[in-house]
Amino acid sequence: MRLLQEKRQEIIEEFKRHDGDTGSPEVQVALFTEKISQLTEHLKAHRKDFAARRGLLMMVGKRSSLLKYLTKTDSGRYRELIGALGLRR
């Protein structure tokens, strides 16, 4: 269920705020979103994989926490990120 290194680098390049940025909330949320979509597809095929389901729920919680933080600190960046990722339609 790991992201391929190439895909990970593409996501980081797209959402980074400055050179060398790998830990900003935007990058973290984008990486979590990609992992969540991969796990969702996995769970469609393997309905009884409860360990993966638990991991999915934990990732959704972490992404939610990061989005709440981003809302409190800079709502403009939050709206831009939500639009770029297609979340909360």
Protein backbone atom coordinates (compact mmCIF):
# COMPACT_ATOMS: atom_id res chain seq x y z
CA MET A 1 0.00 0.00 0.00
CA ARG A 2 3.03 2.28 -0.20
CA LEU A 3 3.18 5.13 -2.65
CA LEU A 4 5.72 4.70 -5.39
CA GLN A 5 8.66 7.05 -5.03
CA GLU A 6 7.96 8.69 -8.41
CA LYS A 7 4.31 9.39 -7.53
CA ARG A 8 5.35 10.72 -4.13
CA GLN A 9 7.87 13.11 -5.71
CA GLU A 10 5.23 14.35 -8.19
CA ILE A 11 2.84 15.15 -5.34
CA ILE A 12 5.56 16.91 -3.35
CA GLU A 13 6.60 18.98 -6.39
CA GLU A 14 3.01 20.01 -7.02
CA PHE A 15 2.11 21.07 -3.48
CA LYS A 16 5.41 22.29 -1.98
CA ARG A 17 5.60 25.87 -0.77
CA HIS A 18 9.38 26.29 -1.22
CA ASP A 19 12.40 24.25 -2.28
CA GLY A 20 13.08 21.34 0.03
CA ASP A 21 9.56 21.44 1.46
CA THR A 22 8.27 18.00 2.41
CA GLY A 23 6.47 18.68 5.68
CA SER A 24 4.08 21.55 5.08
CA PRO A 25 0.42 20.79 5.78
CA GLU A 26 -0.41 21.04 2.06
CA VAL A 27 2.12 18.33 1.14
CA GLN A 28 1.05 16.09 4.00
CA VAL A 29 -2.66 16.39 3.15
CA ALA A 30 -1.96 15.68 -0.52
CA LEU A 31 0.06 12.56 0.35
CA PHE A 32 -2.64 11.35 2.74
CA THR A 33 -5.28 11.93 0.06
CA GLU A 34 -3.38 9.77 -2.43
CA LYS A 35 -2.88 7.00 0.15
CA ILE A 36 -6.56 7.16 1.10
CA SER A 37 -7.66 6.76 -2.51
CA GLN A 38 -5.34 3.77 -2.95
CA LEU A 39 -6.64 2.11 0.22
CA THR A 40 -10.22 2.76 -0.81
CA GLU A 41 -9.64 0.91 -4.07
CA HIS A 42 -7.95 -1.92 -2.18
CA LEU A 43 -10.89 -2.25 0.21
CA LYS A 44 -13.36 -2.45 -2.68
CA ALA A 45 -11.64 -5.67 -3.76
CA HIS A 46 -10.83 -6.99 -0.27
CA ARG A 47 -13.86 -6.23 1.87
CA LYS A 48 -12.71 -8.23 4.90
CA ASP A 49 -9.29 -6.61 5.27
CA PHE A 50 -10.03 -5.01 8.61
CA ALA A 51 -6.43 -4.03 9.33
CA ALA A 52 -6.37 -1.94 6.15
CA ARG A 53 -9.75 -0.47 7.08
CA ARG A 54 -8.37 0.61 10.46
CA GLY A 55 -5.35 2.18 8.77
CA LEU A 56 -7.67 4.01 6.39
CA LEU A 57 -9.70 5.44 9.26
CA MET A 58 -6.53 6.56 11.03
CA MET A 59 -5.30 8.30 7.87
CA VAL A 60 -8.63 10.05 7.41
CA GLY A 61 -8.40 11.28 11.01
CA LYS A 62 -4.87 12.61 10.53
CA ARG A 63 -5.86 14.35 7.31
CA SER A 64 -8.84 15.88 9.06
CA SER A 65 -6.61 17.19 11.86
CA LEU A 66 -4.20 18.74 9.37
CA LEU A 67 -7.08 20.38 7.51
CA LYS A 68 -8.46 21.80 10.78
CA TYR A 69 -5.03 23.21 11.58
CA LEU A 70 -4.77 24.77 8.13
CA THR A 71 -8.24 26.28 8.51
CA LYS A 72 -7.26 27.95 11.78
CA THR A 73 -3.90 29.25 10.58
CA ASP A 74 -4.62 30.32 6.99
CA SER A 75 -8.07 29.88 5.49
CA GLY A 76 -6.91 31.03 2.05
CA ARG A 77 -4.38 28.22 1.78
CA TYR A 78 -7.06 25.83 3.05
CA ARG A 79 -9.54 26.83 0.31
CA GLU A 80 -6.84 26.61 -2.34
CA LEU A 81 -5.80 23.13 -1.20
CA ILE A 82 -9.38 21.86 -1.04
CA GLY A 83 -9.98 23.11 -4.58
CA ALA A 84 -6.76 21.52 -5.90
CA LEU A 85 -7.48 18.14 -4.32
CA GLY A 86 -11.19 18.09 -5.09
CA LEU A 87 -12.24 17.55 -1.48
CA ARG A 88 -15.53 18.78 0.04
CA ARG A 89 -17.45 19.38 -3.15
